Amino acid sequence: MTQPTIDFGVGGRAPKREVNWEQLLHTAIESSSHGLCVFDWRSRLVIANEQHRSLYSLTSSQVSPGRPAEDVLISRHARVVGAKANWPAIWRP
């Protein structure tokens, strides 16, 4: 399968360049001024940007890809409400 290309030239005069879509998406997410985290269909974390980590004072391991959404929410709750606060019973499985 060939890599998609984009013509960055004016009027098509410049040579086409290959686009690294994964890097482009990563750069766009990290450049956002908003905290962002994305979960997959299994409620597992796919990506969280630095703004999200700093907003909740989370470590990289607390928001590493593959973590269950519940773990991320518990970590956020503990940082915002306090480590000794109980996780609300209505959110427990």
PDB file of N, CA and C in Angstrom:
ATOM      1  N   MET A   1       0.854  -1.171   0.000  1.00  0.00           N
ATOM      2  CA  MET A   1       0.000   0.000   0.000  1.00  0.00           C
ATOM      3  C   MET A   1       0.896   1.229   0.000  1.00  0.00           C
ATOM      4  N   THR A   2       0.597   2.186  -0.851  1.00  0.00           N
ATOM      5  CA  THR A   2       1.408   3.389  -0.923  1.00  0.00           C
ATOM      6  C   THR A   2       0.956   4.410   0.099  1.00  0.00           C
ATOM      7  N   GLN A   3       1.902   5.218   0.538  1.00  0.00           N
ATOM      8  CA  GLN A   3       1.641   6.267   1.523  1.00  0.00           C
ATOM      9  C   GLN A   3       0.925   7.420   0.831  1.00  0.00           C
ATOM     10  N   PRO A   4      -0.165   7.971   1.418  1.00  0.00           N
ATOM     11  CA  PRO A   4      -0.851   9.118   0.817  1.00  0.00           C
ATOM     12  C   PRO A   4       0.093  10.317   0.721  1.00  0.00           C
ATOM     13  N   THR A   5      -0.104  11.119  -0.294  1.00  0.00           N
ATOM     14  CA  THR A   5       0.724  12.310  -0.464  1.00  0.00           C
ATOM     15  C   THR A   5      -0.152  13.547  -0.539  1.00  0.00           C
ATOM     16  N   ILE A   6       0.467  14.672  -0.220  1.00  0.00           N
ATOM     17  CA  ILE A   6      -0.220  15.960  -0.317  1.00  0.00           C
ATOM     18  C   ILE A   6       0.675  16.887  -1.125  1.00  0.00           C
ATOM     19  N   ASP A   7       0.075  17.647  -1.994  1.00  0.00           N
ATOM     20  CA  ASP A   7       0.818  18.608  -2.793  1.00  0.00           C
ATOM     21  C   ASP A   7       0.892  19.916  -2.019  1.00  0.00           C
ATOM     22  N   PHE A   8       2.093  20.232  -1.506  1.00  0.00           N
ATOM     23  CA  PHE A   8       2.283  21.457  -0.735  1.00  0.00           C
ATOM     24  C   PHE A   8       2.756  22.616  -1.607  1.00  0.00           C
ATOM     25  N   GLY A   9       2.864  22.394  -2.892  1.00  0.00           N
ATOM     26  CA  GLY A   9       3.357  23.428  -3.793  1.00  0.00           C
ATOM     27  C   GLY A   9       2.247  24.325  -4.304  1.00  0.00           C
ATOM     28  N   VAL A  10       2.659  25.420  -4.898  1.00  0.00           N
ATOM     29  CA  VAL A  10       1.705  26.355  -5.495  1.00  0.00           C
ATOM     30  C   VAL A  10       1.484  25.909  -6.935  1.00  0.00           C
ATOM     31  N   GLY A  11       0.259  25.661  -7.275  1.00  0.00           N
ATOM     32  CA  GLY A  11      -0.050  25.250  -8.641  1.00  0.00           C
ATOM     33  C   GLY A  11       0.507  23.896  -9.010  1.00  0.00           C
ATOM     34  N   GLY A  12       0.871  23.086  -8.038  1.00  0.00           N
ATOM     35  CA  GLY A  12       1.366  21.743  -8.318  1.00  0.00           C
ATOM     36  C   GLY A  12       2.798  21.694  -8.809  1.00  0.00           C
ATOM     37  N   ARG A  13       3.563  22.780  -8.680  1.00  0.00           N
ATOM     38  CA  ARG A  13       4.929  22.817  -9.191  1.00  0.00           C
ATOM     39  C   ARG A  13       5.931  22.129  -8.272  1.00  0.00           C
ATOM     40  N   ALA A  14       5.667  22.123  -6.980  1.00  0.00           N
ATOM     41  CA  ALA A  14       6.601  21.490  -6.033  1.00  0.00           C
ATOM     42  C   ALA A  14       6.339  19.983  -6.000  1.00  0.00           C
ATOM     43  N   PRO A  15       7.377  19.200  -5.718  1.00  0.00           N
ATOM     44  CA  PRO A  15       7.167  17.750  -5.641  1.00  0.00           C
ATOM     45  C   PRO A  15       6.256  17.393  -4.467  1.00  0.00           C
ATOM     46  N   LYS A  16       5.507  16.317  -4.641  1.00  0.00           N
ATOM     47  CA  LYS A  16       4.620  15.860  -3.576  1.00  0.00           C
ATOM     48  C   LYS A  16       5.459  15.223  -2.470  1.00  0.00           C
ATOM     49  N   ARG A  17       4.997  15.389  -1.214  1.00  0.00           N
ATOM     50  CA  ARG A  17       5.687  14.819  -0.056  1.00  0.00           C
ATOM     51  C   ARG A  17       4.782  13.796   0.613  1.00  0.00           C
ATOM     52  N   GLU A  18       5.397  12.757   1.153  1.00  0.00           N
ATOM     53  CA  GLU A  18       4.632  11.786   1.921  1.00  0.00           C
ATOM     54  C   GLU A  18       4.254  12.406   3.257  1.00  0.00           C
ATOM     55  N   VAL A  19       3.080  12.055   3.734  1.00  0.00           N
ATOM     56  CA  VAL A  19       2.589  12.600   4.998  1.00  0.00           C
ATOM     57  C   VAL A  19       2.574  11.496   6.043  1.00  0.00           C
ATOM     58  N   ASN A  20       3.166  11.758   7.186  1.00  0.00           N
ATOM     59  CA  ASN A  20       3.118  10.825   8.306  1.00  0.00           C
ATOM     60  C   ASN A  20       1.881  11.205   9.122  1.00  0.00           C
ATOM     61  N   TRP A  21       0.757  10.547   8.822  1.00  0.00           N
ATOM     62  CA  TRP A  21      -0.511  10.902   9.443  1.00  0.00           C
ATOM     63  C   TRP A  21      -0.505  10.683  10.942  1.00  0.00           C
ATOM     64  N   GLU A  22       0.167   9.641  11.393  1.00  0.00           N
ATOM     65  CA  GLU A  22       0.237   9.374  12.830  1.00  0.00           C
ATOM     66  C   GLU A  22       0.953  10.509  13.554  1.00  0.00           C
ATOM     67  N   GLN A  23       2.078  10.975  13.001  1.00  0.00           N
ATOM     68  CA  GLN A  23       2.818  12.082  13.603  1.00  0.00           C
ATOM     69  C   GLN A  23       2.019  13.379  13.533  1.00  0.00           C
ATOM     70  N   LEU A  24       1.326  13.590  12.432  1.00  0.00           N
ATOM     71  CA  LEU A  24       0.509  14.793  12.272  1.00  0.00           C
ATOM     72  C   LEU A  24      -0.609  14.834  13.313  1.00  0.00           C
ATOM     73  N   LEU A  25      -1.277  13.695  13.527  1.00  0.00           N
ATOM     74  CA  LEU A  25      -2.338  13.621  14.529  1.00  0.00           C
ATOM     75  C   LEU A  25      -1.780  13.832  15.931  1.00  0.00           C
ATOM     76  N   HIS A  26      -0.652  13.192  16.230  1.00  0.00           N
ATOM     77  CA  HIS A  26      -0.022  13.345  17.545  1.00  0.00           C
ATOM     78  C   HIS A  26       0.340  14.816  17.807  1.00  0.00           C
ATOM     79  N   THR A  27       0.913  15.473  16.825  1.00  0.00           N
ATOM     80  CA  THR A  27       1.284  16.889  16.959  1.00  0.00           C
ATOM     81  C   THR A  27       0.049  17.756  17.175  1.00  0.00           C
ATOM     82  N   ALA A  28      -1.022  17.481  16.457  1.00  0.00           N
ATOM     83  CA  ALA A  28      -2.254  18.262  16.609  1.00  0.00           C
ATOM     84  C   ALA A  28      -2.839  18.097  18.006  1.00  0.00           C
ATOM     85  N   ILE A  29      -2.855  16.874  18.517  1.00  0.00           N
ATOM     86  CA  ILE A  29      -3.412  16.620  19.850  1.00  0.00           C
ATOM     87  C   ILE A  29      -2.552  17.280  20.927  1.00  0.00           C
ATOM     88  N   GLU A  30      -1.242  17.156  20.816  1.00  0.00           N
ATOM     89  CA  GLU A  30      -0.347  17.759  21.809  1.00  0.00           C
ATOM     90  C   GLU A  30      -0.354  19.281  21.734  1.00  0.00           C
ATOM     91  N   SER A  31      -0.668  19.843  20.577  1.00  0.00           N
ATOM     92  CA  SER A  31      -0.677  21.302  20.408  1.00  0.00           C
ATOM     93  C   SER A  31      -1.947  21.949  20.940  1.00  0.00           C
ATOM     94  N   SER A  32      -2.941  21.161  21.229  1.00  0.00           N
ATOM     95  CA  SER A  32      -4.205  21.708  21.709  1.00  0.00           C
ATOM     96  C   SER A  32      -4.021  22.379  23.071  1.00  0.00           C
ATOM     97  N   SER A  33      -4.687  23.497  23.253  1.00  0.00           N
ATOM     98  CA  SER A  33      -4.627  24.188  24.549  1.00  0.00           C
ATOM     99  C   SER A  33      -5.615  23.584  25.543  1.00  0.00           C
ATOM    100  N   HIS A  34      -6.385  22.618  25.098  1.00  0.00           N
ATOM    101  CA  HIS A  34      -7.376  21.949  25.943  1.00  0.00           C
ATOM    102  C   HIS A  34      -6.865  20.576  26.363  1.00  0.00           C
ATOM    103  N   GLY A  35      -7.247  20.166  27.562  1.00  0.00           N
ATOM    104  CA  GLY A  35      -6.928  18.813  28.000  1.00  0.00           C
ATOM    105  C   GLY A  35      -7.758  17.825  27.203  1.00  0.00           C
ATOM    106  N   LEU A  36      -7.119  16.819  26.668  1.00  0.00           N
ATOM    107  CA  LEU A  36      -7.812  15.880  25.804  1.00  0.00           C
ATOM    108  C   LEU A  36      -7.369  14.455  26.099  1.00  0.00           C
ATOM    109  N   CYS A  37      -8.333  13.557  26.221  1.00  0.00           N
ATOM    110  CA  CYS A  37      -8.027  12.133  26.297  1.00  0.00           C
ATOM    111  C   CYS A  37      -9.054  11.398  25.450  1.00  0.00           C
ATOM    112  N   VAL A  38      -8.599  10.343  24.795  1.00  0.00           N
ATOM    113  CA  VAL A  38      -9.439   9.583  23.877  1.00  0.00           C
ATOM    114  C   VAL A  38      -9.435   8.125  24.317  1.00  0.00           C
ATOM    115  N   PHE A  39     -10.634   7.532  24.359  1.00  0.00           N
ATOM    116  CA  PHE A  39     -10.795   6.134  24.747  1.00  0.00           C
ATOM    117  C   PHE A  39     -11.340   5.336  23.568  1.00  0.00           C
ATOM    118  N   ASP A  40     -11.005   4.055  23.537  1.00  0.00           N
ATOM    119  CA  ASP A  40     -11.514   3.195  22.474  1.00  0.00           C
ATOM    120  C   ASP A  40     -12.830   2.551  22.888  1.00  0.00           C
ATOM    121  N   TRP A  41     -13.336   1.660  22.065  1.00  0.00           N
ATOM    122  CA  TRP A  41     -14.629   1.020  22.300  1.00  0.00           C
ATOM    123  C   TRP A  41     -14.639   0.134  23.537  1.00  0.00           C
ATOM    124  N   ARG A  42     -13.428  -0.264  24.026  1.00  0.00           N
ATOM    125  CA  ARG A  42     -13.348  -1.089  25.236  1.00  0.00           C
ATOM    126  C   ARG A  42     -13.150  -0.234  26.488  1.00  0.00           C
ATOM    127  N   SER A  43     -13.270   1.079  26.341  1.00  0.00           N
ATOM    128  CA  SER A  43     -13.037   2.040  27.435  1.00  0.00           C
ATOM    129  C   SER A  43     -11.596   2.007  27.901  1.00  0.00           C
ATOM    130  N   ARG A  44     -10.683   1.815  26.976  1.00  0.00           N
ATOM    131  CA  ARG A  44      -9.248   1.848  27.252  1.00  0.00           C
ATOM    132  C   ARG A  44      -8.682   3.132  26.662  1.00  0.00           C
ATOM    133  N   LEU A  45      -7.760   3.750  27.404  1.00  0.00           N
ATOM    134  CA  LEU A  45      -7.163   4.999  26.954  1.00  0.00           C
ATOM    135  C   LEU A  45      -6.307   4.778  25.713  1.00  0.00           C
ATOM    136  N   VAL A  46      -6.518   5.606  24.713  1.00  0.00           N
ATOM    137  CA  VAL A  46      -5.727   5.556  23.491  1.00  0.00           C
ATOM    138  C   VAL A  46      -4.627   6.610  23.569  1.00  0.00           C
ATOM    139  N   ILE A  47      -5.013   7.845  23.923  1.00  0.00           N
ATOM    140  CA  ILE A  47      -4.043   8.935  24.015  1.00  0.00           C
ATOM    141  C   ILE A  47      -4.574  10.007  24.965  1.00  0.00           C
ATOM    142  N   ALA A  48      -3.660  10.652  25.670  1.00  0.00           N
ATOM    143  CA  ALA A  48      -3.979  11.823  26.507  1.00  0.00           C
ATOM    144  C   ALA A  48      -2.855  12.827  26.302  1.00  0.00           C
ATOM    145  N   ASN A  49      -3.208  14.077  26.105  1.00  0.00           N
ATOM    146  CA  ASN A  49      -2.159  15.059  25.853  1.00  0.00           C
ATOM    147  C   ASN A  49      -1.577  15.620  27.153  1.00  0.00           C
ATOM    148  N   GLU A  50      -0.500  16.347  27.014  1.00  0.00           N
ATOM    149  CA  GLU A  50       0.198  16.918  28.176  1.00  0.00           C
ATOM    150  C   GLU A  50      -0.699  17.874  28.947  1.00  0.00           C
ATOM    151  N   GLN A  51      -1.543  18.611  28.244  1.00  0.00           N
ATOM    152  CA  GLN A  51      -2.458  19.545  28.908  1.00  0.00           C
ATOM    153  C   GLN A  51      -3.401  18.791  29.862  1.00  0.00           C
ATOM    154  N   HIS A  52      -3.881  17.629  29.432  1.00  0.00           N
ATOM    155  CA  HIS A  52      -4.749  16.804  30.281  1.00  0.00           C
ATOM    156  C   HIS A  52      -3.975  16.326  31.504  1.00  0.00           C
ATOM    157  N   ARG A  53      -2.749  15.852  31.304  1.00  0.00           N
ATOM    158  CA  ARG A  53      -1.930  15.379  32.425  1.00  0.00           C
ATOM    159  C   ARG A  53      -1.672  16.497  33.429  1.00  0.00           C
ATOM    160  N   SER A  54      -1.321  17.673  32.936  1.00  0.00           N
ATOM    161  CA  SER A  54      -1.004  18.769  33.856  1.00  0.00           C
ATOM    162  C   SER A  54      -2.252  19.343  34.526  1.00  0.00           C
ATOM    163  N   LEU A  55      -3.380  19.334  33.831  1.00  0.00           N
ATOM    164  CA  LEU A  55      -4.637  19.842  34.390  1.00  0.00           C
ATOM    165  C   LEU A  55      -5.013  19.096  35.668  1.00  0.00           C
ATOM    166  N   TYR A  56      -4.776  17.787  35.663  1.00  0.00           N
ATOM    167  CA  TYR A  56      -5.124  16.954  36.820  1.00  0.00           C
ATOM    168  C   TYR A  56      -3.908  16.498  37.609  1.00  0.00           C
ATOM    169  N   SER A  57      -2.727  17.037  37.298  1.00  0.00           N
ATOM    170  CA  SER A  57      -1.479  16.667  37.972  1.00  0.00           C
ATOM    171  C   SER A  57      -1.270  15.157  37.975  1.00  0.00           C
ATOM    172  N   LEU A  58      -1.466  14.541  36.834  1.00  0.00           N
ATOM    173  CA  LEU A  58      -1.316  13.098  36.704  1.00  0.00           C
ATOM    174  C   LEU A  58       0.064  12.755  36.163  1.00  0.00           C
ATOM    175  N   THR A  59       0.544  11.583  36.519  1.00  0.00           N
ATOM    176  CA  THR A  59       1.826  11.111  35.991  1.00  0.00           C
ATOM    177  C   THR A  59       1.577  10.434  34.641  1.00  0.00           C
ATOM    178  N   SER A  60       2.633  10.252  33.892  1.00  0.00           N
ATOM    179  CA  SER A  60       2.508   9.578  32.599  1.00  0.00           C
ATOM    180  C   SER A  60       1.987   8.156  32.769  1.00  0.00           C
ATOM    181  N   SER A  61       2.378   7.489  33.861  1.00  0.00           N
ATOM    182  CA  SER A  61       1.914   6.116  34.068  1.00  0.00           C
ATOM    183  C   SER A  61       0.415   6.072  34.402  1.00  0.00           C
ATOM    184  N   GLN A  62      -0.122   7.136  34.980  1.00  0.00           N
ATOM    185  CA  GLN A  62      -1.555   7.168  35.297  1.00  0.00           C
ATOM    186  C   GLN A  62      -2.417   7.352  34.051  1.00  0.00           C
ATOM    187  N   VAL A  63      -1.823   7.869  33.004  1.00  0.00           N
ATOM    188  CA  VAL A  63      -2.553   8.074  31.747  1.00  0.00           C
ATOM    189  C   VAL A  63      -1.814   7.420  30.579  1.00  0.00           C
ATOM    190  N   SER A  64      -1.314   6.235  30.810  1.00  0.00           N
ATOM    191  CA  SER A  64      -0.613   5.510  29.748  1.00  0.00           C
ATOM    192  C   SER A  64      -1.628   4.785  28.862  1.00  0.00           C
ATOM    193  N   PRO A  65      -1.333   4.660  27.580  1.00  0.00           N
ATOM    194  CA  PRO A  65      -2.248   3.972  26.670  1.00  0.00           C
ATOM    195  C   PRO A  65      -2.583   2.563  27.177  1.00  0.00           C
ATOM    196  N   GLY A  66      -3.863   2.211  27.046  1.00  0.00           N
ATOM    197  CA  GLY A  66      -4.327   0.906  27.477  1.00  0.00           C
ATOM    198  C   GLY A  66      -4.965   0.894  28.853  1.00  0.00           C
ATOM    199  N   ARG A  67      -4.795   1.989  29.620  1.00  0.00           N
ATOM    200  CA  ARG A  67      -5.394   2.032  30.961  1.00  0.00           C
ATOM    201  C   ARG A  67      -6.911   2.104  30.850  1.00  0.00           C
ATOM    202  N   PRO A  68      -7.609   1.386  31.718  1.00  0.00           N
ATOM    203  CA  PRO A  68      -9.075   1.465  31.717  1.00  0.00           C
ATOM    204  C   PRO A  68      -9.546   2.876  32.085  1.00  0.00           C
ATOM    205  N   ALA A  69     -10.653   3.287  31.501  1.00  0.00           N
ATOM    206  CA  ALA A  69     -11.217   4.611  31.782  1.00  0.00           C
ATOM    207  C   ALA A  69     -11.455   4.795  33.269  1.00  0.00           C
ATOM    208  N   GLU A  70     -11.910   3.742  33.945  1.00  0.00           N
ATOM    209  CA  GLU A  70     -12.170   3.844  35.378  1.00  0.00           C
ATOM    210  C   GLU A  70     -10.900   4.210  36.146  1.00  0.00           C
ATOM    211  N   ASP A  71      -9.762   3.622  35.791  1.00  0.00           N
ATOM    212  CA  ASP A  71      -8.492   3.957  36.460  1.00  0.00           C
ATOM    213  C   ASP A  71      -8.137   5.430  36.267  1.00  0.00           C
ATOM    214  N   VAL A  72      -8.323   5.923  35.040  1.00  0.00           N
ATOM    215  CA  VAL A  72      -8.016   7.328  34.756  1.00  0.00           C
ATOM    216  C   VAL A  72      -8.941   8.231  35.566  1.00  0.00           C
ATOM    217  N   LEU A  73     -10.236   7.905  35.612  1.00  0.00           N
ATOM    218  CA  LEU A  73     -11.196   8.720  36.367  1.00  0.00           C
ATOM    219  C   LEU A  73     -10.922   8.672  37.871  1.00  0.00           C
ATOM    220  N   ILE A  74     -10.550   7.520  38.390  1.00  0.00           N
ATOM    221  CA  ILE A  74     -10.213   7.417  39.809  1.00  0.00           C
ATOM    222  C   ILE A  74      -8.992   8.283  40.124  1.00  0.00           C
ATOM    223  N   SER A  75      -7.986   8.252  39.258  1.00  0.00           N
ATOM    224  CA  SER A  75      -6.788   9.075  39.463  1.00  0.00           C
ATOM    225  C   SER A  75      -7.134  10.552  39.434  1.00  0.00           C
ATOM    226  N   ARG A  76      -7.976  10.958  38.480  1.00  0.00           N
ATOM    227  CA  ARG A  76      -8.389  12.359  38.398  1.00  0.00           C
ATOM    228  C   ARG A  76      -9.179  12.753  39.633  1.00  0.00           C
ATOM    229  N   HIS A  77     -10.098  11.917  40.047  1.00  0.00           N
ATOM    230  CA  HIS A  77     -10.923  12.196  41.228  1.00  0.00           C
ATOM    231  C   HIS A  77     -10.039  12.362  42.459  1.00  0.00           C
ATOM    232  N   ALA A  78      -9.075  11.478  42.621  1.00  0.00           N
ATOM    233  CA  ALA A  78      -8.181  11.538  43.785  1.00  0.00           C
ATOM    234  C   ALA A  78      -7.362  12.826  43.790  1.00  0.00           C
ATOM    235  N   ARG A  79      -6.914  13.282  42.621  1.00  0.00           N
ATOM    236  CA  ARG A  79      -6.103  14.502  42.548  1.00  0.00           C
ATOM    237  C   ARG A  79      -6.945  15.748  42.797  1.00  0.00           C
ATOM    238  N   VAL A  80      -8.189  15.747  42.355  1.00  0.00           N
ATOM    239  CA  VAL A  80      -9.044  16.933  42.489  1.00  0.00           C
ATOM    240  C   VAL A  80      -9.709  16.983  43.863  1.00  0.00           C
ATOM    241  N   VAL A  81     -10.281  15.873  44.302  1.00  0.00           N
ATOM    242  CA  VAL A  81     -11.040  15.842  45.551  1.00  0.00           C
ATOM    243  C   VAL A  81     -10.140  15.535  46.738  1.00  0.00           C
ATOM    244  N   GLY A  82      -9.151  14.730  46.530  1.00  0.00           N
ATOM    245  CA  GLY A  82      -8.231  14.346  47.593  1.00  0.00           C
ATOM    246  C   GLY A  82      -8.028  12.841  47.597  1.00  0.00           C
ATOM    247  N   ALA A  83      -6.827  12.432  47.885  1.00  0.00           N
ATOM    248  CA  ALA A  83      -6.475  11.014  47.825  1.00  0.00           C
ATOM    249  C   ALA A  83      -7.310  10.174  48.787  1.00  0.00           C
ATOM    250  N   LYS A  84      -7.737  10.752  49.901  1.00  0.00           N
ATOM    251  CA  LYS A  84      -8.473   9.977  50.892  1.00  0.00           C
ATOM    252  C   LYS A  84      -9.972   9.948  50.637  1.00  0.00           C
ATOM    253  N   ALA A  85     -10.422  10.713  49.655  1.00  0.00           N
ATOM    254  CA  ALA A  85     -11.855  10.731  49.345  1.00  0.00           C
ATOM    255  C   ALA A  85     -12.265   9.405  48.718  1.00  0.00           C
ATOM    256  N   ASN A  86     -13.451   8.971  49.048  1.00  0.00           N
ATOM    257  CA  ASN A  86     -13.966   7.724  48.489  1.00  0.00           C
ATOM    258  C   ASN A  86     -14.448   7.941  47.066  1.00  0.00           C
ATOM    259  N   TRP A  87     -14.180   6.959  46.228  1.00  0.00           N
ATOM    260  CA  TRP A  87     -14.688   6.971  44.862  1.00  0.00           C
ATOM    261  C   TRP A  87     -16.194   6.781  44.969  1.00  0.00           C
ATOM    262  N   PRO A  88     -16.995   7.658  44.371  1.00  0.00           N
ATOM    263  CA  PRO A  88     -18.453   7.555  44.515  1.00  0.00           C
ATOM    264  C   PRO A  88     -18.976   6.163  44.172  1.00  0.00           C
ATOM    265  N   ALA A  89     -19.822   5.642  45.030  1.00  0.00           N
ATOM    266  CA  ALA A  89     -20.356   4.291  44.880  1.00  0.00           C
ATOM    267  C   ALA A  89     -21.128   4.124  43.570  1.00  0.00           C
ATOM    268  N   ILE A  90     -21.774   5.190  43.100  1.00  0.00           N
ATOM    269  CA  ILE A  90     -22.551   5.064  41.865  1.00  0.00           C
ATOM    270  C   ILE A  90     -21.657   4.823  40.647  1.00  0.00           C
ATOM    271  N   TRP A  91     -20.356   5.127  40.765  1.00  0.00           N
ATOM    272  CA  TRP A  91     -19.433   4.926  39.645  1.00  0.00           C
ATOM    273  C   TRP A  91     -18.698   3.601  39.729  1.00  0.00           C
ATOM    274  N   ARG A  92     -18.902   2.878  40.806  1.00  0.00           N
ATOM    275  CA  ARG A  92     -18.224   1.580  40.952  1.00  0.00           C
ATOM    276  C   ARG A  92     -18.995   0.523  40.172  1.00  0.00           C
ATOM    277  N   PRO A  93     -18.261  -0.452  39.621  1.00  0.00           N
ATOM    278  CA  PRO A  93     -18.961  -1.519  38.888  1.00  0.00           C
ATOM    279  C   PRO A  93     -19.774  -2.385  39.818  1.00  0.00           C
TER     280      PRO A  93
END
